[in-house]
Amino acid sequence: MTRDPLEEDGALNLYGGILNSPILQIDALGKEHNLWSRVVSNLPPAELQKRTVNLSKGYCGGFSWTIQWLFSYPPASRGWIIQDITISIKIEDCNGNDISPSGFDYSEAWEVMIRGDISPNTDTFRLSEQAECTKGTAIFSGRAAFHPNLILPSSFYLTPSGRYHPAGGLRHTNHRLNLSAGTDSLAHRAVISWDCCSGRQQSQVQLE
């Protein structure tokens, strides 16, 4: 019983070439290239799903929400998960002065390998703690879809070292692409509110 000899260069799932069944499936010479295609052709379409793996509530707006991407069934081809993001933040000081920062609108991407492995497979919405004597609301909205066989547009790039972007280490754009032809879209939203004008209070977080 042997793992994929290509190791992680082939895919993160080292037994995916024999469908995670090293006892029932055999590919002794490593030449059964169509084994996976034959199986997934009989499965329902892959539906993109998510689950929460971490939710941290800080103070004065601070919070972190991490989700994990997964599929209902393995997709039949490689592709990309593309998520369109809108971040809006409204902040006032305790005198009622608007001190809101600029928002963000962008798209970000995760590569999906042939057996459904996603690299990386998580996404995090995060807001740092704001100054005391502030109150406000932040809304993080995302809509994601899997795009099989997509060639990633050249407008996606990685943020240079030392510079900040909320997409972190993911490939992203500077605007929302709103690509069509993906699978059924998956929407989610986090609404964070706080009022620290009477002291340091824990952030209120609503997930949708």
C-alpha atoms as a PDB file:
ATOM      1  CA  MET A   1       0.000   0.000   0.000  1.00  0.00           C
ATOM      2  CA  THR A   2       1.738   3.141  -1.250  1.00  0.00           C
ATOM      3  CA  ARG A   3       0.975   6.841  -1.230  1.00  0.00           C
ATOM      4  CA  ASP A   4       1.019   8.929  -4.403  1.00  0.00           C
ATOM      5  CA  PRO A   5       4.699   8.905  -5.514  1.00  0.00           C
ATOM      6  CA  LEU A   6       4.342  12.522  -6.640  1.00  0.00           C
ATOM      7  CA  GLU A   7       3.598  13.345  -2.987  1.00  0.00           C
ATOM      8  CA  GLU A   8       2.199  16.854  -2.424  1.00  0.00           C
ATOM      9  CA  ASP A   9       3.256  17.961  -5.922  1.00  0.00           C
ATOM     10  CA  GLY A  10       0.366  15.910  -7.288  1.00  0.00           C
ATOM     11  CA  ALA A  11      -2.215  17.045  -4.754  1.00  0.00           C
ATOM     12  CA  LEU A  12      -2.550  17.431  -1.008  1.00  0.00           C
ATOM     13  CA  ASN A  13      -4.527  14.176  -0.777  1.00  0.00           C
ATOM     14  CA  LEU A  14      -1.803  11.516  -1.045  1.00  0.00           C
ATOM     15  CA  TYR A  15      -4.324   8.688  -1.549  1.00  0.00           C
ATOM     16  CA  GLY A  16      -6.636  10.563  -3.881  1.00  0.00           C
ATOM     17  CA  GLY A  17      -5.305   8.737  -6.941  1.00  0.00           C
ATOM     18  CA  ILE A  18      -6.983   5.567  -5.674  1.00  0.00           C
ATOM     19  CA  LEU A  19     -10.059   7.393  -4.362  1.00  0.00           C
ATOM     20  CA  ASN A  20      -8.972   7.197  -0.697  1.00  0.00           C
ATOM     21  CA  SER A  21      -9.488   3.430  -0.829  1.00  0.00           C
ATOM     22  CA  PRO A  22      -6.061   1.721  -0.908  1.00  0.00           C
ATOM     23  CA  ILE A  23      -7.647  -1.665  -0.171  1.00  0.00           C
ATOM     24  CA  LEU A  24     -10.410  -1.672  -2.770  1.00  0.00           C
ATOM     25  CA  GLN A  25      -8.716   0.324  -5.553  1.00  0.00           C
ATOM     26  CA  ILE A  26      -5.509  -0.729  -7.276  1.00  0.00           C
ATOM     27  CA  ASP A  27      -3.228   1.226  -9.595  1.00  0.00           C
ATOM     28  CA  ALA A  28      -0.083  -0.875  -9.405  1.00  0.00           C
ATOM     29  CA  LEU A  29       1.730   0.815 -12.280  1.00  0.00           C
ATOM     30  CA  GLY A  30       0.498   4.362 -11.652  1.00  0.00           C
ATOM     31  CA  LYS A  31      -1.103   4.542 -15.091  1.00  0.00           C
ATOM     32  CA  GLU A  32      -4.802   4.537 -14.234  1.00  0.00           C
ATOM     33  CA  HIS A  33      -5.231   8.212 -15.129  1.00  0.00           C
ATOM     34  CA  ASN A  34      -8.953   7.885 -15.874  1.00  0.00           C
ATOM     35  CA  LEU A  35      -9.897   6.204 -12.593  1.00  0.00           C
ATOM     36  CA  TRP A  36     -10.882   9.500 -10.936  1.00  0.00           C
ATOM     37  CA  SER A  37     -12.745  10.795 -13.979  1.00  0.00           C
ATOM     38  CA  ARG A  38     -14.795   7.615 -14.242  1.00  0.00           C
ATOM     39  CA  VAL A  39     -15.894   7.879 -10.636  1.00  0.00           C
ATOM     40  CA  VAL A  40     -16.750  11.601 -10.459  1.00  0.00           C
ATOM     41  CA  SER A  41     -18.712  11.387 -13.701  1.00  0.00           C
ATOM     42  CA  ASN A  42     -21.299   9.365 -11.766  1.00  0.00           C
ATOM     43  CA  LEU A  43     -21.502  11.792  -8.835  1.00  0.00           C
ATOM     44  CA  PRO A  44     -23.844  14.791  -8.469  1.00  0.00           C
ATOM     45  CA  PRO A  45     -22.330  18.210  -9.295  1.00  0.00           C
ATOM     46  CA  ALA A  46     -19.884  19.512  -6.707  1.00  0.00           C
ATOM     47  CA  GLU A  47     -21.546  22.079  -4.467  1.00  0.00           C
ATOM     48  CA  LEU A  48     -19.304  24.583  -2.703  1.00  0.00           C
ATOM     49  CA  GLN A  49     -19.910  24.655   1.055  1.00  0.00           C
ATOM     50  CA  LYS A  50     -18.352  26.235   4.134  1.00  0.00           C
ATOM     51  CA  ARG A  51     -18.099  25.637   7.856  1.00  0.00           C
ATOM     52  CA  THR A  52     -16.914  27.840  10.703  1.00  0.00           C
ATOM     53  CA  VAL A  53     -13.657  26.688  12.264  1.00  0.00           C
ATOM     54  CA  ASN A  54     -13.013  29.685  14.521  1.00  0.00           C
ATOM     55  CA  LEU A  55     -14.831  32.755  15.817  1.00  0.00           C
ATOM     56  CA  SER A  56     -13.089  35.167  18.190  1.00  0.00           C
ATOM     57  CA  LYS A  57     -14.803  38.229  19.665  1.00  0.00           C
ATOM     58  CA  GLY A  58     -12.439  40.945  20.825  1.00  0.00           C
ATOM     59  CA  TYR A  59     -13.156  44.404  22.153  1.00  0.00           C
ATOM     60  CA  CYS A  60     -14.133  47.695  20.494  1.00  0.00           C
ATOM     61  CA  GLY A  61     -14.724  46.136  17.079  1.00  0.00           C
ATOM     62  CA  GLY A  62     -11.998  43.529  17.213  1.00  0.00           C
ATOM     63  CA  PHE A  63     -13.022  40.124  15.869  1.00  0.00           C
ATOM     64  CA  SER A  64     -11.864  37.209  13.704  1.00  0.00           C
ATOM     65  CA  TRP A  65     -13.997  34.673  11.787  1.00  0.00           C
ATOM     66  CA  THR A  66     -12.375  31.777   9.936  1.00  0.00           C
ATOM     67  CA  ILE A  67     -14.293  29.453   7.629  1.00  0.00           C
ATOM     68  CA  GLN A  68     -13.183  26.341   5.780  1.00  0.00           C
ATOM     69  CA  TRP A  69     -14.141  25.636   2.168  1.00  0.00           C
ATOM     70  CA  LEU A  70     -15.299  22.146   1.224  1.00  0.00           C
ATOM     71  CA  PHE A  71     -17.312  20.407  -1.489  1.00  0.00           C
ATOM     72  CA  SER A  72     -20.423  18.229  -1.184  1.00  0.00           C
ATOM     73  CA  TYR A  73     -18.818  15.905  -3.765  1.00  0.00           C
ATOM     74  CA  PRO A  74     -15.376  16.034  -5.390  1.00  0.00           C
ATOM     75  CA  PRO A  75     -15.360  18.294  -8.472  1.00  0.00           C
ATOM     76  CA  ALA A  76     -14.694  16.648 -11.824  1.00  0.00           C
ATOM     77  CA  SER A  77     -12.032  19.173 -12.839  1.00  0.00           C
ATOM     78  CA  ARG A  78      -9.583  21.695 -11.522  1.00  0.00           C
ATOM     79  CA  GLY A  79     -10.551  25.322 -11.172  1.00  0.00           C
ATOM     80  CA  TRP A  80     -10.689  28.296  -8.828  1.00  0.00           C
ATOM     81  CA  ILE A  81     -12.954  29.451  -6.037  1.00  0.00           C
ATOM     82  CA  ILE A  82     -13.547  33.163  -6.614  1.00  0.00           C
ATOM     83  CA  GLN A  83     -15.039  35.263  -3.824  1.00  0.00           C
ATOM     84  CA  ASP A  84     -16.242  38.829  -4.261  1.00  0.00           C
ATOM     85  CA  ILE A  85     -15.736  40.855  -1.081  1.00  0.00           C
ATOM     86  CA  THR A  86     -17.169  44.137   0.187  1.00  0.00           C
ATOM     87  CA  ILE A  87     -15.986  45.607   3.499  1.00  0.00           C
ATOM     88  CA  SER A  88     -17.636  48.742   4.876  1.00  0.00           C
ATOM     89  CA  ILE A  89     -16.713  50.315   8.213  1.00  0.00           C
ATOM     90  CA  LYS A  90     -18.564  53.176   9.918  1.00  0.00           C
ATOM     91  CA  ILE A  91     -16.817  54.676  12.971  1.00  0.00           C
ATOM     92  CA  GLU A  92     -17.621  57.731  15.095  1.00  0.00           C
ATOM     93  CA  ASP A  93     -15.760  59.197  18.021  1.00  0.00           C
ATOM     94  CA  CYS A  94     -17.739  59.866  21.175  1.00  0.00           C
ATOM     95  CA  ASN A  95     -18.426  63.438  20.048  1.00  0.00           C
ATOM     96  CA  GLY A  96     -20.256  62.170  16.967  1.00  0.00           C
ATOM     97  CA  ASN A  97     -17.454  62.954  14.478  1.00  0.00           C
ATOM     98  CA  ASP A  98     -17.191  60.587  11.524  1.00  0.00           C
ATOM     99  CA  ILE A  99     -13.722  58.972  11.479  1.00  0.00           C
ATOM    100  CA  SER A 100     -14.564  56.089   9.139  1.00  0.00           C
ATOM    101  CA  PRO A 101     -11.744  54.583   7.051  1.00  0.00           C
ATOM    102  CA  SER A 102     -12.103  53.741   3.382  1.00  0.00           C
ATOM    103  CA  GLY A 103     -13.844  50.462   2.564  1.00  0.00           C
ATOM    104  CA  PHE A 104     -12.691  47.636   0.313  1.00  0.00           C
ATOM    105  CA  ASP A 105     -14.166  45.994  -2.782  1.00  0.00           C
ATOM    106  CA  TYR A 106     -12.140  43.184  -4.306  1.00  0.00           C
ATOM    107  CA  SER A 107     -12.118  39.564  -5.423  1.00  0.00           C
ATOM    108  CA  GLU A 108      -9.880  36.804  -4.078  1.00  0.00           C
ATOM    109  CA  ALA A 109      -9.049  33.311  -5.313  1.00  0.00           C
ATOM    110  CA  TRP A 110      -8.297  29.798  -4.076  1.00  0.00           C
ATOM    111  CA  GLU A 111      -6.954  27.115  -6.424  1.00  0.00           C
ATOM    112  CA  VAL A 112      -8.865  23.818  -6.542  1.00  0.00           C
ATOM    113  CA  MET A 113      -6.885  20.736  -7.548  1.00  0.00           C
ATOM    114  CA  ILE A 114      -8.200  17.766  -9.528  1.00  0.00           C
ATOM    115  CA  ARG A 115      -9.466  15.773  -6.531  1.00  0.00           C
ATOM    116  CA  GLY A 116     -11.034  18.727  -4.731  1.00  0.00           C
ATOM    117  CA  ASP A 117      -8.044  19.747  -2.645  1.00  0.00           C
ATOM    118  CA  ILE A 118      -8.146  23.505  -2.017  1.00  0.00           C
ATOM    119  CA  SER A 119      -5.000  25.543  -1.472  1.00  0.00           C
ATOM    120  CA  PRO A 120      -5.305  27.067   1.075  1.00  0.00           C
ATOM    121  CA  ASN A 121      -8.700  25.846   2.274  1.00  0.00           C
ATOM    122  CA  THR A 122      -9.658  28.607   4.719  1.00  0.00           C
ATOM    123  CA  ASP A 123     -10.727  32.236   4.643  1.00  0.00           C
ATOM    124  CA  THR A 124     -10.619  34.753   7.503  1.00  0.00           C
ATOM    125  CA  PHE A 125     -12.530  37.973   8.041  1.00  0.00           C
ATOM    126  CA  ARG A 126     -10.705  40.074  10.613  1.00  0.00           C
ATOM    127  CA  LEU A 127     -10.937  43.544  12.158  1.00  0.00           C
ATOM    128  CA  SER A 128      -8.401  44.881  14.631  1.00  0.00           C
ATOM    129  CA  GLU A 129      -9.515  46.469  17.898  1.00  0.00           C
ATOM    130  CA  GLN A 130     -10.426  50.132  17.462  1.00  0.00           C
ATOM    131  CA  ALA A 131      -9.522  52.955  19.821  1.00  0.00           C
ATOM    132  CA  GLU A 132     -11.490  53.405  23.005  1.00  0.00           C
ATOM    133  CA  CYS A 133     -14.001  56.256  22.963  1.00  0.00           C
ATOM    134  CA  THR A 134     -15.301  55.075  19.562  1.00  0.00           C
ATOM    135  CA  LYS A 135     -18.428  53.347  18.373  1.00  0.00           C
ATOM    136  CA  GLY A 136     -19.283  51.860  15.043  1.00  0.00           C
ATOM    137  CA  THR A 137     -20.357  49.075  12.747  1.00  0.00           C
ATOM    138  CA  ALA A 138     -18.356  46.996  10.271  1.00  0.00           C
ATOM    139  CA  ILE A 139     -19.921  44.763   7.607  1.00  0.00           C
ATOM    140  CA  PHE A 140     -17.945  42.034   5.804  1.00  0.00           C
ATOM    141  CA  SER A 141     -19.853  40.546   2.849  1.00  0.00           C
ATOM    142  CA  GLY A 142     -18.646  37.709   0.647  1.00  0.00           C
ATOM    143  CA  ARG A 143     -20.108  35.792  -2.281  1.00  0.00           C
ATOM    144  CA  ALA A 144     -18.115  32.807  -3.526  1.00  0.00           C
ATOM    145  CA  ALA A 145     -18.465  30.337  -6.398  1.00  0.00           C
ATOM    146  CA  PHE A 146     -16.404  27.518  -7.868  1.00  0.00           C
ATOM    147  CA  HIS A 147     -15.319  28.081 -11.472  1.00  0.00           C
ATOM    148  CA  PRO A 148     -14.222  24.795 -13.078  1.00  0.00           C
ATOM    149  CA  ASN A 149     -11.458  24.943 -15.695  1.00  0.00           C
ATOM    150  CA  LEU A 150     -11.043  28.676 -15.140  1.00  0.00           C
ATOM    151  CA  ILE A 151      -7.818  30.326 -16.241  1.00  0.00           C
ATOM    152  CA  LEU A 152      -7.255  32.898 -13.513  1.00  0.00           C
ATOM    153  CA  PRO A 153      -7.409  36.438 -14.967  1.00  0.00           C
ATOM    154  CA  SER A 154      -4.148  38.359 -14.988  1.00  0.00           C
ATOM    155  CA  SER A 155      -5.730  41.046 -12.779  1.00  0.00           C
ATOM    156  CA  PHE A 156      -5.174  38.752  -9.763  1.00  0.00           C
ATOM    157  CA  TYR A 157      -1.915  39.321  -7.914  1.00  0.00           C
ATOM    158  CA  LEU A 158      -0.198  38.768  -4.564  1.00  0.00           C
ATOM    159  CA  THR A 159       0.295  41.690  -2.187  1.00  0.00           C
ATOM    160  CA  PRO A 160       4.002  42.645  -2.065  1.00  0.00           C
ATOM    161  CA  SER A 161       5.803  41.880   1.169  1.00  0.00           C
ATOM    162  CA  GLY A 162       5.450  44.650   3.741  1.00  0.00           C
ATOM    163  CA  ARG A 163       2.172  45.974   2.352  1.00  0.00           C
ATOM    164  CA  TYR A 164      -1.318  45.378   3.773  1.00  0.00           C
ATOM    165  CA  HIS A 165      -4.385  44.054   2.027  1.00  0.00           C
ATOM    166  CA  PRO A 166      -7.327  42.288   3.734  1.00  0.00           C
ATOM    167  CA  ALA A 167      -6.931  39.358   1.312  1.00  0.00           C
ATOM    168  CA  GLY A 168      -3.692  38.518   3.112  1.00  0.00           C
ATOM    169  CA  GLY A 169      -1.617  35.977   1.199  1.00  0.00           C
ATOM    170  CA  LEU A 170      -4.340  35.148  -1.338  1.00  0.00           C
ATOM    171  CA  ARG A 171      -4.297  36.180  -4.960  1.00  0.00           C
ATOM    172  CA  HIS A 172      -6.703  39.078  -5.310  1.00  0.00           C
ATOM    173  CA  THR A 173      -7.806  42.024  -7.418  1.00  0.00           C
ATOM    174  CA  ASN A 174      -8.355  45.672  -6.553  1.00  0.00           C
ATOM    175  CA  HIS A 175     -12.001  45.552  -7.609  1.00  0.00           C
ATOM    176  CA  ARG A 176     -14.886  43.084  -7.652  1.00  0.00           C
ATOM    177  CA  LEU A 177     -14.891  40.950 -10.808  1.00  0.00           C
ATOM    178  CA  ASN A 178     -18.413  39.485 -10.505  1.00  0.00           C
ATOM    179  CA  LEU A 179     -17.502  36.571 -12.787  1.00  0.00           C
ATOM    180  CA  SER A 180     -20.322  34.509 -14.253  1.00  0.00           C
ATOM    181  CA  ALA A 181     -20.457  30.791 -15.164  1.00  0.00           C
ATOM    182  CA  GLY A 182     -19.513  29.570 -11.697  1.00  0.00           C
ATOM    183  CA  THR A 183     -21.406  27.072  -9.552  1.00  0.00           C
ATOM    184  CA  ASP A 184     -24.312  28.220  -7.387  1.00  0.00           C
ATOM    185  CA  SER A 185     -22.931  31.110  -5.389  1.00  0.00           C
ATOM    186  CA  LEU A 186     -22.422  30.886  -1.638  1.00  0.00           C
ATOM    187  CA  ALA A 187     -23.038  34.098   0.302  1.00  0.00           C
ATOM    188  CA  HIS A 188     -22.131  34.961   3.881  1.00  0.00           C
ATOM    189  CA  ARG A 189     -21.848  38.087   5.972  1.00  0.00           C
ATOM    190  CA  ALA A 190     -20.484  39.244   9.332  1.00  0.00           C
ATOM    191  CA  VAL A 191     -21.829  42.349  11.075  1.00  0.00           C
ATOM    192  CA  ILE A 192     -19.698  43.704  13.906  1.00  0.00           C
ATOM    193  CA  SER A 193     -20.839  46.503  16.197  1.00  0.00           C
ATOM    194  CA  TRP A 194     -19.367  48.158  19.263  1.00  0.00           C
ATOM    195  CA  ASP A 195     -19.792  51.111  21.591  1.00  0.00           C
ATOM    196  CA  CYS A 196     -16.743  51.862  23.722  1.00  0.00           C
ATOM    197  CA  CYS A 197     -17.723  55.401  24.667  1.00  0.00           C
ATOM    198  CA  SER A 198     -18.501  54.279  28.217  1.00  0.00           C
ATOM    199  CA  GLY A 199     -15.549  51.940  28.531  1.00  0.00           C
ATOM    200  CA  ARG A 200     -13.921  49.004  26.772  1.00  0.00           C
ATOM    201  CA  GLN A 201     -16.720  46.643  25.717  1.00  0.00           C
ATOM    202  CA  GLN A 202     -16.728  43.321  23.872  1.00  0.00           C
ATOM    203  CA  SER A 203     -17.627  43.416  20.190  1.00  0.00           C
ATOM    204  CA  GLN A 204     -21.067  42.220  19.131  1.00  0.00           C
ATOM    205  CA  VAL A 205     -20.878  39.841  16.160  1.00  0.00           C
ATOM    206  CA  GLN A 206     -23.740  38.600  13.993  1.00  0.00           C
ATOM    207  CA  LEU A 207     -23.033  35.941  11.341  1.00  0.00           C
ATOM    208  CA  GLU A 208     -25.318  35.376   8.385  1.00  0.00           C
END
